[in-house]
Amino acid sequence: QILYLKPPWTLANLLKCYKKHWMAVFGYVVPRSLLSTVECLSKHFRAGELVDSSTAHILLQESKKLLHAFSSRSDYDGVLPRAYAEVNKLYQTLTEVRRALVRSDSEQDISENAVCEKMEATTPSQQNGEENLHPSFHVAQENRHQEIWSVLEGVWNTINLYSIEIFQKLDPSTIAVTAKASFEEAFLGLQKLLAAVNDIREGISR
């Protein structure tokens, strides 16, 4: 009788109901801190909206977290375990696909390096070994280095920004910087950043 939105629900409407009735109802059933999870899902689960693999990875993680929290109350006639199994299956599949893509990129880089080394070995030696390589190769390498540097610099800047935001929320007296994002936005940003850093780390380790 007092629901924010009446059934039948879309997923987007259901998440809106969660947010609207969180403090009065759902916060007594599951940890109230999970409101950030609901907000994350509500922000991205929209009909027809495309998300990148990193965001999808985070959304599946957050979905698993929410389903697991509600499982402590009931299995909802077996619906919840089935839903959790499907979400977990999607999560595992996406994880494998992302690893395969990283592996494929790595193997391609190794293959390209092997070709370059073979070309260098078969090219008549000159006084300066660098002269054996086509000028476009040096340009490509330099662009590649700039691209890698740009990614790492972006990661550092994001870590720095969100760290300031979070520490300011925890203790406003520590850093006198005007806030530009909410605590929830900072937290979600760090989750996305974590996925990006993991991708970079896997690439470097290979």
C-alpha atoms as a PDB file:
ATOM      1  CA  GLN A   1       0.000   0.000   0.000  1.00  0.00           C
ATOM      2  CA  ILE A   2       2.851   2.424   0.602  1.00  0.00           C
ATOM      3  CA  LEU A   3       5.287   1.260  -2.092  1.00  0.00           C
ATOM      4  CA  TYR A   4       7.099   3.990  -4.006  1.00  0.00           C
ATOM      5  CA  LEU A   5       6.380   2.214  -7.308  1.00  0.00           C
ATOM      6  CA  LYS A   6       3.683  -0.431  -7.805  1.00  0.00           C
ATOM      7  CA  PRO A   7       4.357  -3.801  -9.483  1.00  0.00           C
ATOM      8  CA  PRO A   8       4.913  -5.155 -12.058  1.00  0.00           C
ATOM      9  CA  TRP A   9       8.463  -3.849 -11.796  1.00  0.00           C
ATOM     10  CA  THR A  10      11.301  -3.408 -14.212  1.00  0.00           C
ATOM     11  CA  LEU A  11      14.751  -3.945 -12.744  1.00  0.00           C
ATOM     12  CA  ALA A  12      15.325  -0.175 -12.768  1.00  0.00           C
ATOM     13  CA  ASN A  13      12.059   0.418 -10.875  1.00  0.00           C
ATOM     14  CA  LEU A  14      12.875  -2.307  -8.373  1.00  0.00           C
ATOM     15  CA  LEU A  15      16.218  -0.695  -7.602  1.00  0.00           C
ATOM     16  CA  LYS A  16      14.454   2.670  -7.169  1.00  0.00           C
ATOM     17  CA  CYS A  17      12.151   1.027  -4.613  1.00  0.00           C
ATOM     18  CA  TYR A  18      15.199  -0.352  -2.790  1.00  0.00           C
ATOM     19  CA  LYS A  19      16.694   3.126  -2.549  1.00  0.00           C
ATOM     20  CA  LYS A  20      13.430   4.800  -1.524  1.00  0.00           C
ATOM     21  CA  HIS A  21      12.614   2.303   1.238  1.00  0.00           C
ATOM     22  CA  TRP A  22      16.192   1.477   2.253  1.00  0.00           C
ATOM     23  CA  MET A  23      16.294   3.161   5.660  1.00  0.00           C
ATOM     24  CA  ALA A  24      12.781   2.137   6.695  1.00  0.00           C
ATOM     25  CA  VAL A  25      12.761  -1.451   5.404  1.00  0.00           C
ATOM     26  CA  PHE A  26      15.747  -3.024   3.687  1.00  0.00           C
ATOM     27  CA  GLY A  27      18.347  -1.509   5.990  1.00  0.00           C
ATOM     28  CA  TYR A  28      16.896  -3.672   8.769  1.00  0.00           C
ATOM     29  CA  VAL A  29      17.240  -6.847   6.672  1.00  0.00           C
ATOM     30  CA  VAL A  30      20.751  -6.447   5.245  1.00  0.00           C
ATOM     31  CA  PRO A  31      23.699  -4.221   6.234  1.00  0.00           C
ATOM     32  CA  ARG A  32      22.867  -0.568   5.571  1.00  0.00           C
ATOM     33  CA  SER A  33      26.267  -0.039   3.979  1.00  0.00           C
ATOM     34  CA  LEU A  34      24.975  -1.994   0.978  1.00  0.00           C
ATOM     35  CA  LEU A  35      23.040   1.093  -0.090  1.00  0.00           C
ATOM     36  CA  SER A  36      26.143   2.045  -2.113  1.00  0.00           C
ATOM     37  CA  THR A  37      25.800  -1.288  -3.936  1.00  0.00           C
ATOM     38  CA  VAL A  38      22.148  -0.569  -4.757  1.00  0.00           C
ATOM     39  CA  GLU A  39      23.074   2.921  -5.986  1.00  0.00           C
ATOM     40  CA  CYS A  40      25.847   1.485  -8.152  1.00  0.00           C
ATOM     41  CA  LEU A  41      23.480  -1.021  -9.747  1.00  0.00           C
ATOM     42  CA  SER A  42      20.756   1.595 -10.165  1.00  0.00           C
ATOM     43  CA  LYS A  43      23.176   3.940 -11.889  1.00  0.00           C
ATOM     44  CA  HIS A  44      24.289   1.411 -14.512  1.00  0.00           C
ATOM     45  CA  PHE A  45      21.415  -1.062 -14.968  1.00  0.00           C
ATOM     46  CA  ARG A  46      19.408   0.857 -17.545  1.00  0.00           C
ATOM     47  CA  ALA A  47      17.699  -0.615 -20.604  1.00  0.00           C
ATOM     48  CA  GLY A  48      19.835  -0.288 -23.723  1.00  0.00           C
ATOM     49  CA  GLU A  49      22.866   1.168 -21.933  1.00  0.00           C
ATOM     50  CA  LEU A  50      26.191  -0.344 -22.869  1.00  0.00           C
ATOM     51  CA  VAL A  51      28.993  -0.697 -20.345  1.00  0.00           C
ATOM     52  CA  ASP A  52      32.632  -1.689 -20.736  1.00  0.00           C
ATOM     53  CA  SER A  53      33.995  -4.973 -19.398  1.00  0.00           C
ATOM     54  CA  SER A  54      35.510  -3.381 -16.289  1.00  0.00           C
ATOM     55  CA  THR A  55      32.175  -1.831 -15.306  1.00  0.00           C
ATOM     56  CA  ALA A  56      30.338  -5.083 -16.067  1.00  0.00           C
ATOM     57  CA  HIS A  57      32.825  -6.916 -13.853  1.00  0.00           C
ATOM     58  CA  ILE A  58      32.089  -4.515 -10.974  1.00  0.00           C
ATOM     59  CA  LEU A  59      28.312  -4.714 -11.485  1.00  0.00           C
ATOM     60  CA  LEU A  60      28.381  -8.505 -11.328  1.00  0.00           C
ATOM     61  CA  GLN A  61      30.489  -8.344  -8.159  1.00  0.00           C
ATOM     62  CA  GLU A  62      28.033  -5.903  -6.578  1.00  0.00           C
ATOM     63  CA  SER A  63      25.062  -8.063  -7.648  1.00  0.00           C
ATOM     64  CA  LYS A  64      26.628 -11.118  -6.013  1.00  0.00           C
ATOM     65  CA  LYS A  65      27.221  -9.113  -2.834  1.00  0.00           C
ATOM     66  CA  LEU A  66      23.576  -7.995  -2.661  1.00  0.00           C
ATOM     67  CA  LEU A  67      22.147 -11.443  -3.378  1.00  0.00           C
ATOM     68  CA  HIS A  68      24.442 -13.001  -0.803  1.00  0.00           C
ATOM     69  CA  ALA A  69      23.298 -10.474   1.820  1.00  0.00           C
ATOM     70  CA  PHE A  70      19.619 -11.293   1.240  1.00  0.00           C
ATOM     71  CA  SER A  71      20.338 -15.025   1.377  1.00  0.00           C
ATOM     72  CA  SER A  72      20.833 -14.671   5.143  1.00  0.00           C
ATOM     73  CA  ARG A  73      17.123 -13.843   5.432  1.00  0.00           C
ATOM     74  CA  SER A  74      15.589 -16.445   3.094  1.00  0.00           C
ATOM     75  CA  ASP A  75      16.178 -18.446  -0.082  1.00  0.00           C
ATOM     76  CA  TYR A  76      12.888 -17.010  -1.420  1.00  0.00           C
ATOM     77  CA  ASP A  77      11.496 -20.372  -2.510  1.00  0.00           C
ATOM     78  CA  GLY A  78      14.766 -21.273  -4.251  1.00  0.00           C
ATOM     79  CA  VAL A  79      14.706 -18.221  -6.526  1.00  0.00           C
ATOM     80  CA  LEU A  80      17.661 -16.507  -4.845  1.00  0.00           C
ATOM     81  CA  PRO A  81      20.126 -19.444  -5.122  1.00  0.00           C
ATOM     82  CA  ARG A  82      19.264 -19.818  -8.807  1.00  0.00           C
ATOM     83  CA  ALA A  83      19.744 -16.105  -9.399  1.00  0.00           C
ATOM     84  CA  TYR A  84      23.072 -16.147  -7.532  1.00  0.00           C
ATOM     85  CA  ALA A  85      24.252 -19.154  -9.575  1.00  0.00           C
ATOM     86  CA  GLU A  86      23.416 -17.382 -12.854  1.00  0.00           C
ATOM     87  CA  VAL A  87      25.135 -14.143 -11.809  1.00  0.00           C
ATOM     88  CA  ASN A  88      28.187 -16.079 -10.621  1.00  0.00           C
ATOM     89  CA  LYS A  89      28.284 -17.968 -13.925  1.00  0.00           C
ATOM     90  CA  LEU A  90      28.246 -14.670 -15.838  1.00  0.00           C
ATOM     91  CA  TYR A  91      30.977 -13.333 -13.550  1.00  0.00           C
ATOM     92  CA  GLN A  92      33.211 -16.376 -14.139  1.00  0.00           C
ATOM     93  CA  THR A  93      32.625 -16.245 -17.913  1.00  0.00           C
ATOM     94  CA  LEU A  94      33.479 -12.537 -18.087  1.00  0.00           C
ATOM     95  CA  THR A  95      36.605 -13.099 -15.978  1.00  0.00           C
ATOM     96  CA  GLU A  96      37.782 -15.868 -18.324  1.00  0.00           C
ATOM     97  CA  VAL A  97      37.079 -13.767 -21.421  1.00  0.00           C
ATOM     98  CA  ARG A  98      38.998 -10.806 -20.018  1.00  0.00           C
ATOM     99  CA  ARG A  99      41.955 -13.033 -19.144  1.00  0.00           C
ATOM    100  CA  ALA A 100      41.876 -14.554 -22.639  1.00  0.00           C
ATOM    101  CA  LEU A 101      41.896 -11.089 -24.215  1.00  0.00           C
ATOM    102  CA  VAL A 102      44.838  -9.996 -22.067  1.00  0.00           C
ATOM    103  CA  ARG A 103      46.664 -13.225 -22.950  1.00  0.00           C
ATOM    104  CA  SER A 104      45.905 -12.729 -26.656  1.00  0.00           C
ATOM    105  CA  ASP A 105      47.229  -9.146 -26.603  1.00  0.00           C
ATOM    106  CA  SER A 106      50.334 -10.322 -24.762  1.00  0.00           C
ATOM    107  CA  GLU A 107      50.972 -13.114 -27.267  1.00  0.00           C
ATOM    108  CA  GLN A 108      50.519 -10.669 -30.145  1.00  0.00           C
ATOM    109  CA  ASP A 109      53.074  -8.309 -28.603  1.00  0.00           C
ATOM    110  CA  ILE A 110      55.518 -11.207 -28.149  1.00  0.00           C
ATOM    111  CA  SER A 111      54.959 -12.277 -31.758  1.00  0.00           C
ATOM    112  CA  GLU A 112      55.566  -8.742 -33.050  1.00  0.00           C
ATOM    113  CA  ASN A 113      58.748  -8.483 -30.977  1.00  0.00           C
ATOM    114  CA  ALA A 114      59.964 -11.817 -32.363  1.00  0.00           C
ATOM    115  CA  VAL A 115      59.410 -10.595 -35.947  1.00  0.00           C
ATOM    116  CA  CYS A 116      61.319  -7.382 -35.210  1.00  0.00           C
ATOM    117  CA  GLU A 117      64.196  -9.316 -33.669  1.00  0.00           C
ATOM    118  CA  LYS A 118      64.327 -11.631 -36.680  1.00  0.00           C
ATOM    119  CA  MET A 119      64.388  -8.648 -39.046  1.00  0.00           C
ATOM    120  CA  GLU A 120      67.209  -7.076 -37.065  1.00  0.00           C
ATOM    121  CA  ALA A 121      69.179 -10.311 -37.174  1.00  0.00           C
ATOM    122  CA  THR A 122      68.864 -10.650 -40.964  1.00  0.00           C
ATOM    123  CA  THR A 123      69.547  -6.979 -41.789  1.00  0.00           C
ATOM    124  CA  PRO A 124      73.172  -6.215 -42.760  1.00  0.00           C
ATOM    125  CA  SER A 125      74.946  -4.733 -39.750  1.00  0.00           C
ATOM    126  CA  GLN A 126      75.752  -1.037 -39.835  1.00  0.00           C
ATOM    127  CA  GLN A 127      77.858   1.133 -37.623  1.00  0.00           C
ATOM    128  CA  ASN A 128      74.794   2.120 -35.581  1.00  0.00           C
ATOM    129  CA  GLY A 129      72.392  -0.773 -34.931  1.00  0.00           C
ATOM    130  CA  GLU A 130      69.513   1.672 -34.559  1.00  0.00           C
ATOM    131  CA  GLU A 131      69.816   2.543 -38.252  1.00  0.00           C
ATOM    132  CA  ASN A 132      68.683  -0.990 -39.146  1.00  0.00           C
ATOM    133  CA  LEU A 133      65.128  -0.203 -38.072  1.00  0.00           C
ATOM    134  CA  HIS A 134      62.640   1.693 -40.209  1.00  0.00           C
ATOM    135  CA  PRO A 135      61.933   5.202 -38.861  1.00  0.00           C
ATOM    136  CA  SER A 136      58.224   4.348 -38.528  1.00  0.00           C
ATOM    137  CA  PHE A 137      59.163   1.622 -36.039  1.00  0.00           C
ATOM    138  CA  HIS A 138      60.733   4.200 -33.730  1.00  0.00           C
ATOM    139  CA  VAL A 139      57.650   6.402 -34.042  1.00  0.00           C
ATOM    140  CA  ALA A 140      55.372   3.446 -33.204  1.00  0.00           C
ATOM    141  CA  GLN A 141      57.518   2.509 -30.211  1.00  0.00           C
ATOM    142  CA  GLU A 142      57.544   6.098 -28.962  1.00  0.00           C
ATOM    143  CA  ASN A 143      53.757   6.340 -29.335  1.00  0.00           C
ATOM    144  CA  ARG A 144      53.409   3.050 -27.451  1.00  0.00           C
ATOM    145  CA  HIS A 145      55.575   4.379 -24.614  1.00  0.00           C
ATOM    146  CA  GLN A 146      53.528   7.589 -24.476  1.00  0.00           C
ATOM    147  CA  GLU A 147      50.310   5.543 -24.380  1.00  0.00           C
ATOM    148  CA  ILE A 148      51.584   3.404 -21.484  1.00  0.00           C
ATOM    149  CA  TRP A 149      52.800   6.489 -19.642  1.00  0.00           C
ATOM    150  CA  SER A 150      49.414   8.173 -20.167  1.00  0.00           C
ATOM    151  CA  VAL A 151      47.566   5.177 -18.681  1.00  0.00           C
ATOM    152  CA  LEU A 152      49.835   4.993 -15.635  1.00  0.00           C
ATOM    153  CA  GLU A 153      49.619   8.750 -15.119  1.00  0.00           C
ATOM    154  CA  GLY A 154      45.823   8.542 -15.317  1.00  0.00           C
ATOM    155  CA  VAL A 155      45.810   5.769 -12.718  1.00  0.00           C
ATOM    156  CA  TRP A 156      48.004   7.807 -10.390  1.00  0.00           C
ATOM    157  CA  ASN A 157      45.907  10.969 -10.779  1.00  0.00           C
ATOM    158  CA  THR A 158      42.705   9.052 -10.070  1.00  0.00           C
ATOM    159  CA  ILE A 159      44.188   7.365  -6.988  1.00  0.00           C
ATOM    160  CA  ASN A 160      45.375  10.743  -5.746  1.00  0.00           C
ATOM    161  CA  LEU A 161      42.013  12.439  -6.341  1.00  0.00           C
ATOM    162  CA  TYR A 162      39.880   9.777  -4.684  1.00  0.00           C
ATOM    163  CA  SER A 163      42.304   9.349  -1.799  1.00  0.00           C
ATOM    164  CA  ILE A 164      41.935  13.053  -1.042  1.00  0.00           C
ATOM    165  CA  GLU A 165      38.136  12.749  -1.272  1.00  0.00           C
ATOM    166  CA  ILE A 166      37.987   9.756   1.062  1.00  0.00           C
ATOM    167  CA  PHE A 167      40.418  11.128   3.666  1.00  0.00           C
ATOM    168  CA  GLN A 168      38.574  14.429   3.645  1.00  0.00           C
ATOM    169  CA  LYS A 169      35.294  12.622   4.362  1.00  0.00           C
ATOM    170  CA  LEU A 170      36.898  10.662   7.182  1.00  0.00           C
ATOM    171  CA  ASP A 171      38.700  13.634   8.712  1.00  0.00           C
ATOM    172  CA  PRO A 172      37.950  17.068   7.180  1.00  0.00           C
ATOM    173  CA  SER A 173      40.734  18.696   9.205  1.00  0.00           C
ATOM    174  CA  THR A 174      43.506  16.702   7.492  1.00  0.00           C
ATOM    175  CA  ILE A 175      43.241  18.167   3.989  1.00  0.00           C
ATOM    176  CA  ALA A 176      41.723  21.501   3.044  1.00  0.00           C
ATOM    177  CA  VAL A 177      40.485  20.703  -0.466  1.00  0.00           C
ATOM    178  CA  THR A 178      37.035  21.491  -1.845  1.00  0.00           C
ATOM    179  CA  ALA A 179      35.091  18.241  -2.314  1.00  0.00           C
ATOM    180  CA  LYS A 180      34.213  17.397  -5.912  1.00  0.00           C
ATOM    181  CA  ALA A 181      32.597  13.998  -5.465  1.00  0.00           C
ATOM    182  CA  SER A 182      30.490  12.165  -2.945  1.00  0.00           C
ATOM    183  CA  PHE A 183      31.957   9.407  -0.799  1.00  0.00           C
ATOM    184  CA  GLU A 184      29.906   6.859  -2.768  1.00  0.00           C
ATOM    185  CA  GLU A 185      31.242   8.176  -6.079  1.00  0.00           C
ATOM    186  CA  ALA A 186      34.792   8.019  -4.750  1.00  0.00           C
ATOM    187  CA  PHE A 187      34.271   4.438  -3.569  1.00  0.00           C
ATOM    188  CA  LEU A 188      32.770   3.333  -6.892  1.00  0.00           C
ATOM    189  CA  GLY A 189      35.578   5.102  -8.742  1.00  0.00           C
ATOM    190  CA  LEU A 190      38.161   3.195  -6.725  1.00  0.00           C
ATOM    191  CA  GLN A 191      36.387  -0.085  -7.526  1.00  0.00           C
ATOM    192  CA  LYS A 192      36.658   0.669 -11.251  1.00  0.00           C
ATOM    193  CA  LEU A 193      40.241   1.775 -10.774  1.00  0.00           C
ATOM    194  CA  LEU A 194      41.059  -1.483  -8.998  1.00  0.00           C
ATOM    195  CA  ALA A 195      39.908  -3.467 -12.039  1.00  0.00           C
ATOM    196  CA  ALA A 196      42.003  -1.257 -14.346  1.00  0.00           C
ATOM    197  CA  VAL A 197      45.102  -1.606 -12.138  1.00  0.00           C
ATOM    198  CA  ASN A 198      44.664  -5.392 -12.067  1.00  0.00           C
ATOM    199  CA  ASP A 199      44.551  -5.416 -15.893  1.00  0.00           C
ATOM    200  CA  ILE A 200      47.756  -3.334 -16.017  1.00  0.00           C
ATOM    201  CA  ARG A 201      49.453  -5.581 -13.452  1.00  0.00           C
ATOM    202  CA  GLU A 202      48.544  -8.729 -15.419  1.00  0.00           C
ATOM    203  CA  GLY A 203      49.859  -7.153 -18.588  1.00  0.00           C
ATOM    204  CA  ILE A 204      53.144  -6.131 -16.943  1.00  0.00           C
ATOM    205  CA  SER A 205      53.619  -9.569 -15.336  1.00  0.00           C
ATOM    206  CA  ARG A 206      53.212 -11.245 -18.733  1.00  0.00           C
END
